[in-house]
Amino acid sequence: MKRLQTAAIALLFLPAAATAATSSWVETPGGDVRLVVLPAGADGAARAMLDIRLHEGWKTYWRDPGGSGIPPSITVSGATLTSIGFPAPRRLGDDTNHYIGYDAPVRLPMKLGGAVGGTVTATVFLGVCKDICIPVQADLTVETGGEGFTNPLEETAVAAAEATLPGTAGDGFRPLGGQWSADGKTIAVRFEAPADGDAADVFLSGAPFEFGAAGPVRREGDAFVSDVPVLHRPKVFDLAKNPIRLTLRAGEKTMEGPLAVK
């Protein structure tokens, strides 16, 4: 995957001391990051989030940057990272350096398992970009032990992060299927979207695939279609176990779901 121009500086590798269930902010030239973990439930699982406070004019990447950029990487110790959610992204950059990500502060909600109840550390690696890109690496640590008291501000912040995630497929806004091109280098994505609303932006993701910028959306009968370049297609893959996911954005309305590709 090609990279945007990267600043010739060392990685920022900074520990964050824990205060309650929220780490300290790790500050960088382009944005600040922190970890929030809510008290675990009866099953030992906990809701959490990575809070990325971008500075004005800076951007960061989605889980599939679209052929240019560094996807966020989050590993957790002291608990098991069972899921991480991404709000629907936007197309950023220009025709030369096109990428997919966020140009405003973003919160990535997570779910932790493994009987959360002690020290939890998230090791985070992401890129933040303006005229140049700065790779940021940080260890964010919280102490989740104690009496399980939920700070209302933390609860509200995590709930707000969860509310930004794309909705599930429904009538009038859903995947219809995908078709490989003969050479396997493109997927024609078919979907339903409101015909009288904003034109939909199309994003595909699903490691170890890598996808490029979706082509123009066209109407075919009752469906919309967009051709998405496949930048990397592994020799061996099982879409039944690891499906490709389609994310759609039509104005402020968003949807995400698995895409059946044949």
C-alpha atoms as a PDB file:
ATOM      1  CA  MET A   1       0.000   0.000   0.000  1.00  0.00           C
ATOM      2  CA  LYS A   2       1.447   3.382  -0.902  1.00  0.00           C
ATOM      3  CA  ARG A   3       1.888   5.941   1.831  1.00  0.00           C
ATOM      4  CA  LEU A   4       1.338   9.661   1.972  1.00  0.00           C
ATOM      5  CA  GLN A   5       4.437  11.721   2.638  1.00  0.00           C
ATOM      6  CA  THR A   6       5.505  11.003   6.192  1.00  0.00           C
ATOM      7  CA  ALA A   7       7.355  13.385   8.453  1.00  0.00           C
ATOM      8  CA  ALA A   8      10.922  12.410   9.177  1.00  0.00           C
ATOM      9  CA  ILE A   9      10.414  12.318  12.912  1.00  0.00           C
ATOM     10  CA  ALA A  10      10.517   9.581  15.508  1.00  0.00           C
ATOM     11  CA  LEU A  11       7.326   7.824  16.528  1.00  0.00           C
ATOM     12  CA  LEU A  12       5.616   9.315  19.518  1.00  0.00           C
ATOM     13  CA  PHE A  13       5.642   6.494  22.065  1.00  0.00           C
ATOM     14  CA  LEU A  14       4.188   7.832  25.258  1.00  0.00           C
ATOM     15  CA  PRO A  15       2.721   6.148  28.346  1.00  0.00           C
ATOM     16  CA  ALA A  16      -0.466   7.562  29.828  1.00  0.00           C
ATOM     17  CA  ALA A  17      -1.066   7.293  33.547  1.00  0.00           C
ATOM     18  CA  ALA A  18      -4.427   5.975  34.613  1.00  0.00           C
ATOM     19  CA  THR A  19      -7.079   8.003  36.401  1.00  0.00           C
ATOM     20  CA  ALA A  20     -10.236   6.059  37.228  1.00  0.00           C
ATOM     21  CA  ALA A  21     -11.463   4.396  34.021  1.00  0.00           C
ATOM     22  CA  THR A  22     -10.066   7.077  31.730  1.00  0.00           C
ATOM     23  CA  SER A  23      -6.432   7.350  30.674  1.00  0.00           C
ATOM     24  CA  SER A  24      -4.649  10.655  30.450  1.00  0.00           C
ATOM     25  CA  TRP A  25      -4.653  12.300  27.036  1.00  0.00           C
ATOM     26  CA  VAL A  26      -1.568  11.568  24.961  1.00  0.00           C
ATOM     27  CA  GLU A  27      -0.904  14.781  23.064  1.00  0.00           C
ATOM     28  CA  THR A  28       0.587  14.952  19.556  1.00  0.00           C
ATOM     29  CA  PRO A  29       1.042  17.806  17.055  1.00  0.00           C
ATOM     30  CA  GLY A  30      -2.038  16.728  15.088  1.00  0.00           C
ATOM     31  CA  GLY A  31      -4.349  15.265  17.694  1.00  0.00           C
ATOM     32  CA  ASP A  32      -4.698  13.720  21.135  1.00  0.00           C
ATOM     33  CA  VAL A  33      -5.845  10.220  22.133  1.00  0.00           C
ATOM     34  CA  ARG A  34      -7.212   8.624  25.291  1.00  0.00           C
ATOM     35  CA  LEU A  35      -8.818   5.351  26.374  1.00  0.00           C
ATOM     36  CA  VAL A  36     -12.101   5.101  28.287  1.00  0.00           C
ATOM     37  CA  VAL A  37     -13.256   1.813  29.829  1.00  0.00           C
ATOM     38  CA  LEU A  38     -16.568   1.477  31.672  1.00  0.00           C
ATOM     39  CA  PRO A  39     -17.005  -0.952  34.592  1.00  0.00           C
ATOM     40  CA  ALA A  40     -17.471  -4.561  33.546  1.00  0.00           C
ATOM     41  CA  GLY A  41     -20.898  -6.163  33.630  1.00  0.00           C
ATOM     42  CA  ALA A  42     -21.866  -9.389  35.353  1.00  0.00           C
ATOM     43  CA  ASP A  43     -20.383 -11.368  32.440  1.00  0.00           C
ATOM     44  CA  GLY A  44     -16.996  -9.697  32.830  1.00  0.00           C
ATOM     45  CA  ALA A  45     -17.320  -7.755  29.556  1.00  0.00           C
ATOM     46  CA  ALA A  46     -16.913  -3.988  29.351  1.00  0.00           C
ATOM     47  CA  ARG A  47     -17.784  -1.190  26.933  1.00  0.00           C
ATOM     48  CA  ALA A  48     -14.904   1.097  26.003  1.00  0.00           C
ATOM     49  CA  MET A  49     -13.745   3.574  23.386  1.00  0.00           C
ATOM     50  CA  LEU A  50     -10.675   5.091  21.813  1.00  0.00           C
ATOM     51  CA  ASP A  51     -11.161   8.871  21.796  1.00  0.00           C
ATOM     52  CA  ILE A  52      -9.270  10.643  18.969  1.00  0.00           C
ATOM     53  CA  ARG A  53      -9.353  14.413  19.407  1.00  0.00           C
ATOM     54  CA  LEU A  54      -8.069  15.714  16.069  1.00  0.00           C
ATOM     55  CA  HIS A  55      -6.772  19.266  15.924  1.00  0.00           C
ATOM     56  CA  GLU A  56      -8.230  21.641  13.351  1.00  0.00           C
ATOM     57  CA  GLY A  57      -7.206  20.803   9.796  1.00  0.00           C
ATOM     58  CA  TRP A  58      -5.837  17.353  10.683  1.00  0.00           C
ATOM     59  CA  LYS A  59      -7.192  14.001   9.552  1.00  0.00           C
ATOM     60  CA  THR A  60      -6.848  10.328  10.374  1.00  0.00           C
ATOM     61  CA  TYR A  61      -7.670   7.066   8.594  1.00  0.00           C
ATOM     62  CA  TRP A  62     -10.529   4.564   8.476  1.00  0.00           C
ATOM     63  CA  ARG A  63      -9.991   0.807   8.885  1.00  0.00           C
ATOM     64  CA  ASP A  64      -9.335   0.576   5.103  1.00  0.00           C
ATOM     65  CA  PRO A  65      -7.677   3.834   4.016  1.00  0.00           C
ATOM     66  CA  GLY A  66      -8.488   3.263   0.349  1.00  0.00           C
ATOM     67  CA  GLY A  67      -5.000   2.662  -1.003  1.00  0.00           C
ATOM     68  CA  SER A  68      -3.117   5.482   0.701  1.00  0.00           C
ATOM     69  CA  GLY A  69      -2.511   5.689   4.430  1.00  0.00           C
ATOM     70  CA  ILE A  70      -2.074   3.806   7.678  1.00  0.00           C
ATOM     71  CA  PRO A  71      -5.100   1.969   9.107  1.00  0.00           C
ATOM     72  CA  PRO A  72      -5.509   2.294  12.878  1.00  0.00           C
ATOM     73  CA  SER A  73      -4.027  -0.552  14.904  1.00  0.00           C
ATOM     74  CA  ILE A  74      -5.219  -1.270  18.457  1.00  0.00           C
ATOM     75  CA  THR A  75      -3.986  -4.131  20.641  1.00  0.00           C
ATOM     76  CA  VAL A  76      -5.159  -4.623  24.213  1.00  0.00           C
ATOM     77  CA  SER A  77      -3.527  -6.279  27.200  1.00  0.00           C
ATOM     78  CA  GLY A  78      -5.296  -7.014  30.470  1.00  0.00           C
ATOM     79  CA  ALA A  79      -8.488  -7.796  28.537  1.00  0.00           C
ATOM     80  CA  THR A  80      -9.606  -9.216  25.209  1.00  0.00           C
ATOM     81  CA  LEU A  81     -10.586  -6.828  22.442  1.00  0.00           C
ATOM     82  CA  THR A  82     -13.707  -8.534  21.084  1.00  0.00           C
ATOM     83  CA  SER A  83     -14.880  -5.797  18.711  1.00  0.00           C
ATOM     84  CA  ILE A  84     -14.130  -2.279  17.531  1.00  0.00           C
ATOM     85  CA  GLY A  85     -16.554  -0.056  15.643  1.00  0.00           C
ATOM     86  CA  PHE A  86     -15.864   2.646  13.071  1.00  0.00           C
ATOM     87  CA  PRO A  87     -18.251   5.464  12.142  1.00  0.00           C
ATOM     88  CA  ALA A  88     -18.849   5.787   8.404  1.00  0.00           C
ATOM     89  CA  PRO A  89     -15.845   7.609   6.900  1.00  0.00           C
ATOM     90  CA  ARG A  90     -15.463  10.265   4.214  1.00  0.00           C
ATOM     91  CA  ARG A  91     -13.404  10.538   1.043  1.00  0.00           C
ATOM     92  CA  LEU A  92     -10.402  12.771   1.689  1.00  0.00           C
ATOM     93  CA  GLY A  93      -7.303  14.007  -0.139  1.00  0.00           C
ATOM     94  CA  ASP A  94      -7.163  14.644  -3.878  1.00  0.00           C
ATOM     95  CA  ASP A  95      -6.895  12.654  -7.099  1.00  0.00           C
ATOM     96  CA  THR A  96      -3.177  12.057  -6.495  1.00  0.00           C
ATOM     97  CA  ASN A  97      -3.354  11.126  -2.818  1.00  0.00           C
ATOM     98  CA  HIS A  98      -6.853   9.822  -2.262  1.00  0.00           C
ATOM     99  CA  TYR A  99      -7.670   8.237   1.080  1.00  0.00           C
ATOM    100  CA  ILE A 100     -10.597   7.389   3.334  1.00  0.00           C
ATOM    101  CA  GLY A 101     -10.938   8.570   6.904  1.00  0.00           C
ATOM    102  CA  TYR A 102     -12.058  11.338   9.221  1.00  0.00           C
ATOM    103  CA  ASP A 103     -11.494  15.104   9.193  1.00  0.00           C
ATOM    104  CA  ALA A 104     -13.038  15.774  12.612  1.00  0.00           C
ATOM    105  CA  PRO A 105     -12.649  14.275  16.106  1.00  0.00           C
ATOM    106  CA  VAL A 106     -13.799  10.657  16.131  1.00  0.00           C
ATOM    107  CA  ARG A 107     -14.525   8.059  18.801  1.00  0.00           C
ATOM    108  CA  LEU A 108     -14.111   4.336  18.146  1.00  0.00           C
ATOM    109  CA  PRO A 109     -16.328   2.272  20.465  1.00  0.00           C
ATOM    110  CA  MET A 110     -14.934  -1.070  21.609  1.00  0.00           C
ATOM    111  CA  LYS A 111     -16.075  -4.115  23.536  1.00  0.00           C
ATOM    112  CA  LEU A 112     -13.685  -5.845  25.923  1.00  0.00           C
ATOM    113  CA  GLY A 113     -13.956  -9.336  27.327  1.00  0.00           C
ATOM    114  CA  GLY A 114     -11.840 -11.630  29.436  1.00  0.00           C
ATOM    115  CA  ALA A 115     -13.140 -10.729  32.899  1.00  0.00           C
ATOM    116  CA  VAL A 116     -12.141  -7.065  32.794  1.00  0.00           C
ATOM    117  CA  GLY A 117     -11.196  -5.981  36.282  1.00  0.00           C
ATOM    118  CA  GLY A 118      -7.605  -4.793  36.581  1.00  0.00           C
ATOM    119  CA  THR A 119      -5.060  -2.846  34.578  1.00  0.00           C
ATOM    120  CA  VAL A 120      -6.015  -2.540  30.914  1.00  0.00           C
ATOM    121  CA  THR A 121      -3.595  -1.129  28.359  1.00  0.00           C
ATOM    122  CA  ALA A 122      -4.359  -0.285  24.736  1.00  0.00           C
ATOM    123  CA  THR A 123      -1.346   0.053  22.454  1.00  0.00           C
ATOM    124  CA  VAL A 124      -2.435   2.324  19.632  1.00  0.00           C
ATOM    125  CA  PHE A 125      -0.796   3.058  16.294  1.00  0.00           C
ATOM    126  CA  LEU A 126      -2.396   5.510  13.874  1.00  0.00           C
ATOM    127  CA  GLY A 127      -1.538   8.229  11.400  1.00  0.00           C
ATOM    128  CA  VAL A 128      -2.648  11.841  11.686  1.00  0.00           C
ATOM    129  CA  CYS A 129      -2.185  14.011   8.622  1.00  0.00           C
ATOM    130  CA  LYS A 130      -2.242  17.597   7.461  1.00  0.00           C
ATOM    131  CA  ASP A 131       0.455  18.734   5.027  1.00  0.00           C
ATOM    132  CA  ILE A 132       2.471  15.751   6.244  1.00  0.00           C
ATOM    133  CA  CYS A 133       1.532  12.575   8.115  1.00  0.00           C
ATOM    134  CA  ILE A 134       2.766  11.836  11.611  1.00  0.00           C
ATOM    135  CA  PRO A 135       2.756   8.228  12.813  1.00  0.00           C
ATOM    136  CA  VAL A 136       1.580   8.157  16.418  1.00  0.00           C
ATOM    137  CA  GLN A 137       2.127   5.286  18.832  1.00  0.00           C
ATOM    138  CA  ALA A 138       0.923   5.396  22.421  1.00  0.00           C
ATOM    139  CA  ASP A 139       0.242   3.136  25.396  1.00  0.00           C
ATOM    140  CA  LEU A 140      -3.031   4.104  27.084  1.00  0.00           C
ATOM    141  CA  THR A 141      -3.579   2.558  30.512  1.00  0.00           C
ATOM    142  CA  VAL A 142      -6.561   2.537  32.858  1.00  0.00           C
ATOM    143  CA  GLU A 143      -7.273   0.822  36.164  1.00  0.00           C
ATOM    144  CA  THR A 144     -10.637  -0.913  35.903  1.00  0.00           C
ATOM    145  CA  GLY A 145     -10.706  -2.407  39.390  1.00  0.00           C
ATOM    146  CA  GLY A 146     -12.673  -0.972  42.276  1.00  0.00           C
ATOM    147  CA  GLU A 147     -16.348  -0.866  43.062  1.00  0.00           C
ATOM    148  CA  GLY A 148     -17.605  -0.591  39.485  1.00  0.00           C
ATOM    149  CA  PHE A 149     -18.900   2.982  39.735  1.00  0.00           C
ATOM    150  CA  THR A 150     -19.773   4.462  36.343  1.00  0.00           C
ATOM    151  CA  ASN A 151     -18.805   8.083  35.816  1.00  0.00           C
ATOM    152  CA  PRO A 152     -21.833   9.690  34.091  1.00  0.00           C
ATOM    153  CA  LEU A 153     -19.580  11.694  31.757  1.00  0.00           C
ATOM    154  CA  GLU A 154     -17.730   8.556  30.671  1.00  0.00           C
ATOM    155  CA  GLU A 155     -20.985   6.651  30.207  1.00  0.00           C
ATOM    156  CA  THR A 156     -22.390   9.495  28.096  1.00  0.00           C
ATOM    157  CA  ALA A 157     -19.226   9.694  25.977  1.00  0.00           C
ATOM    158  CA  VAL A 158     -19.188   5.954  25.231  1.00  0.00           C
ATOM    159  CA  ALA A 159     -22.918   5.939  24.446  1.00  0.00           C
ATOM    160  CA  ALA A 160     -22.407   8.899  22.083  1.00  0.00           C
ATOM    161  CA  ALA A 161     -19.576   7.017  20.352  1.00  0.00           C
ATOM    162  CA  GLU A 162     -21.804   3.969  19.894  1.00  0.00           C
ATOM    163  CA  ALA A 163     -24.553   6.171  18.451  1.00  0.00           C
ATOM    164  CA  THR A 164     -22.241   7.330  15.628  1.00  0.00           C
ATOM    165  CA  LEU A 165     -21.865   3.803  14.211  1.00  0.00           C
ATOM    166  CA  PRO A 166     -23.632   3.015  10.937  1.00  0.00           C
ATOM    167  CA  GLY A 167     -27.083   1.519  11.182  1.00  0.00           C
ATOM    168  CA  THR A 168     -27.952  -1.978  10.074  1.00  0.00           C
ATOM    169  CA  ALA A 169     -29.403  -2.793   6.684  1.00  0.00           C
ATOM    170  CA  GLY A 170     -33.118  -2.175   6.232  1.00  0.00           C
ATOM    171  CA  ASP A 171     -35.699  -1.762   3.525  1.00  0.00           C
ATOM    172  CA  GLY A 172     -34.594   0.924   1.108  1.00  0.00           C
ATOM    173  CA  PHE A 173     -30.980   1.101   2.360  1.00  0.00           C
ATOM    174  CA  ARG A 174     -29.165  -2.229   2.133  1.00  0.00           C
ATOM    175  CA  PRO A 175     -26.595  -4.315   0.232  1.00  0.00           C
ATOM    176  CA  LEU A 176     -27.927  -6.405  -2.643  1.00  0.00           C
ATOM    177  CA  GLY A 177     -24.733  -8.228  -3.576  1.00  0.00           C
ATOM    178  CA  GLY A 178     -21.392  -7.964  -5.316  1.00  0.00           C
ATOM    179  CA  GLN A 179     -19.946  -9.441  -8.503  1.00  0.00           C
ATOM    180  CA  TRP A 180     -16.239 -10.085  -9.144  1.00  0.00           C
ATOM    181  CA  SER A 181     -14.921  -8.869 -12.467  1.00  0.00           C
ATOM    182  CA  ALA A 182     -13.399 -11.495 -14.754  1.00  0.00           C
ATOM    183  CA  ASP A 183      -9.856 -10.587 -13.657  1.00  0.00           C
ATOM    184  CA  GLY A 184     -10.791 -10.318  -9.960  1.00  0.00           C
ATOM    185  CA  LYS A 185      -9.567  -6.726  -9.770  1.00  0.00           C
ATOM    186  CA  THR A 186     -12.955  -5.081  -9.278  1.00  0.00           C
ATOM    187  CA  ILE A 187     -16.195  -5.753  -7.412  1.00  0.00           C
ATOM    188  CA  ALA A 188     -19.446  -4.370  -8.831  1.00  0.00           C
ATOM    189  CA  VAL A 189     -21.419  -3.459  -5.709  1.00  0.00           C
ATOM    190  CA  ARG A 190     -25.224  -3.398  -5.935  1.00  0.00           C
ATOM    191  CA  PHE A 191     -27.281  -1.748  -3.218  1.00  0.00           C
ATOM    192  CA  GLU A 192     -30.531  -0.005  -2.411  1.00  0.00           C
ATOM    193  CA  ALA A 193     -30.499   3.614  -1.254  1.00  0.00           C
ATOM    194  CA  PRO A 194     -33.060   6.409  -1.076  1.00  0.00           C
ATOM    195  CA  ALA A 195     -33.544   7.658  -4.651  1.00  0.00           C
ATOM    196  CA  ASP A 196     -34.666  11.120  -3.556  1.00  0.00           C
ATOM    197  CA  GLY A 197     -31.844  11.757  -1.065  1.00  0.00           C
ATOM    198  CA  ASP A 198     -28.140  12.526  -1.256  1.00  0.00           C
ATOM    199  CA  ALA A 199     -26.060  10.334  -3.569  1.00  0.00           C
ATOM    200  CA  ALA A 200     -24.493   7.472  -1.632  1.00  0.00           C
ATOM    201  CA  ASP A 201     -20.774   7.105  -1.027  1.00  0.00           C
ATOM    202  CA  VAL A 202     -19.581   3.490  -1.158  1.00  0.00           C
ATOM    203  CA  PHE A 203     -16.827   1.961   0.996  1.00  0.00           C
ATOM    204  CA  LEU A 204     -15.653  -1.649   1.212  1.00  0.00           C
ATOM    205  CA  SER A 205     -13.528  -3.215   3.940  1.00  0.00           C
ATOM    206  CA  GLY A 206     -12.461  -6.652   5.046  1.00  0.00           C
ATOM    207  CA  ALA A 207      -8.926  -7.720   5.894  1.00  0.00           C
ATOM    208  CA  PRO A 208      -6.793  -9.068   4.303  1.00  0.00           C
ATOM    209  CA  PHE A 209      -8.385  -7.410   1.245  1.00  0.00           C
ATOM    210  CA  GLU A 210      -7.539  -3.815   0.390  1.00  0.00           C
ATOM    211  CA  PHE A 211      -9.905  -1.677  -1.643  1.00  0.00           C
ATOM    212  CA  GLY A 212      -9.553   1.543  -3.585  1.00  0.00           C
ATOM    213  CA  ALA A 213     -11.897   4.450  -4.196  1.00  0.00           C
ATOM    214  CA  ALA A 214     -15.340   3.418  -5.421  1.00  0.00           C
ATOM    215  CA  GLY A 215     -16.269   4.550  -8.910  1.00  0.00           C
ATOM    216  CA  PRO A 216     -19.274   6.724  -9.750  1.00  0.00           C
ATOM    217  CA  VAL A 217     -22.632   5.376  -8.633  1.00  0.00           C
ATOM    218  CA  ARG A 218     -25.026   4.523 -11.464  1.00  0.00           C
ATOM    219  CA  ARG A 219     -28.642   3.450 -11.521  1.00  0.00           C
ATOM    220  CA  GLU A 220     -29.554  -0.009 -12.866  1.00  0.00           C
ATOM    221  CA  GLY A 221     -33.264  -0.685 -12.572  1.00  0.00           C
ATOM    222  CA  ASP A 222     -34.301  -0.471  -8.936  1.00  0.00           C
ATOM    223  CA  ALA A 223     -30.698  -0.721  -7.678  1.00  0.00           C
ATOM    224  CA  PHE A 224     -27.594   1.434  -7.535  1.00  0.00           C
ATOM    225  CA  VAL A 225     -24.230   0.068  -8.685  1.00  0.00           C
ATOM    226  CA  SER A 226     -20.634   1.168  -8.087  1.00  0.00           C
ATOM    227  CA  ASP A 227     -17.394  -0.509  -9.189  1.00  0.00           C
ATOM    228  CA  VAL A 228     -14.796  -0.770  -6.415  1.00  0.00           C
ATOM    229  CA  PRO A 229     -11.126  -1.534  -7.255  1.00  0.00           C
ATOM    230  CA  VAL A 230      -9.545  -4.443  -5.376  1.00  0.00           C
ATOM    231  CA  LEU A 231      -5.996  -3.334  -4.583  1.00  0.00           C
ATOM    232  CA  HIS A 232      -5.046  -6.545  -2.798  1.00  0.00           C
ATOM    233  CA  ARG A 233      -6.786  -9.900  -3.116  1.00  0.00           C
ATOM    234  CA  PRO A 234      -5.268 -12.770  -1.106  1.00  0.00           C
ATOM    235  CA  LYS A 235      -4.696 -16.084  -2.842  1.00  0.00           C
ATOM    236  CA  VAL A 236      -6.746 -17.872  -0.190  1.00  0.00           C
ATOM    237  CA  PHE A 237      -9.826 -16.415   1.518  1.00  0.00           C
ATOM    238  CA  ASP A 238     -13.116 -17.582   3.006  1.00  0.00           C
ATOM    239  CA  LEU A 239     -15.884 -15.004   2.680  1.00  0.00           C
ATOM    240  CA  ALA A 240     -18.238 -17.219   4.683  1.00  0.00           C
ATOM    241  CA  LYS A 241     -16.019 -16.756   7.755  1.00  0.00           C
ATOM    242  CA  ASN A 242     -14.681 -13.278   7.019  1.00  0.00           C
ATOM    243  CA  PRO A 243     -17.166 -11.437   4.807  1.00  0.00           C
ATOM    244  CA  ILE A 244     -16.475  -8.217   2.972  1.00  0.00           C
ATOM    245  CA  ARG A 245     -18.444  -5.382   4.548  1.00  0.00           C
ATOM    246  CA  LEU A 246     -20.226  -2.606   2.708  1.00  0.00           C
ATOM    247  CA  THR A 247     -20.514   0.818   4.333  1.00  0.00           C
ATOM    248  CA  LEU A 248     -22.768   3.434   2.747  1.00  0.00           C
ATOM    249  CA  ARG A 249     -23.111   7.134   3.482  1.00  0.00           C
ATOM    250  CA  ALA A 250     -25.980   9.151   1.997  1.00  0.00           C
ATOM    251  CA  GLY A 251     -25.717  12.586   3.564  1.00  0.00           C
ATOM    252  CA  GLU A 252     -25.840  11.961   7.291  1.00  0.00           C
ATOM    253  CA  LYS A 253     -27.609   8.624   6.909  1.00  0.00           C
ATOM    254  CA  THR A 254     -25.257   5.644   7.129  1.00  0.00           C
ATOM    255  CA  MET A 255     -25.535   1.873   6.843  1.00  0.00           C
ATOM    256  CA  GLU A 256     -23.170  -1.073   7.191  1.00  0.00           C
ATOM    257  CA  GLY A 257     -23.575  -4.785   6.568  1.00  0.00           C
ATOM    258  CA  PRO A 258     -21.961  -7.851   4.995  1.00  0.00           C
ATOM    259  CA  LEU A 259     -21.817  -7.958   1.208  1.00  0.00           C
ATOM    260  CA  ALA A 260     -22.421 -11.310  -0.502  1.00  0.00           C
ATOM    261  CA  VAL A 261     -19.913 -11.445  -3.363  1.00  0.00           C
ATOM    262  CA  LYS A 262     -19.974 -14.071  -6.108  1.00  0.00           C
END
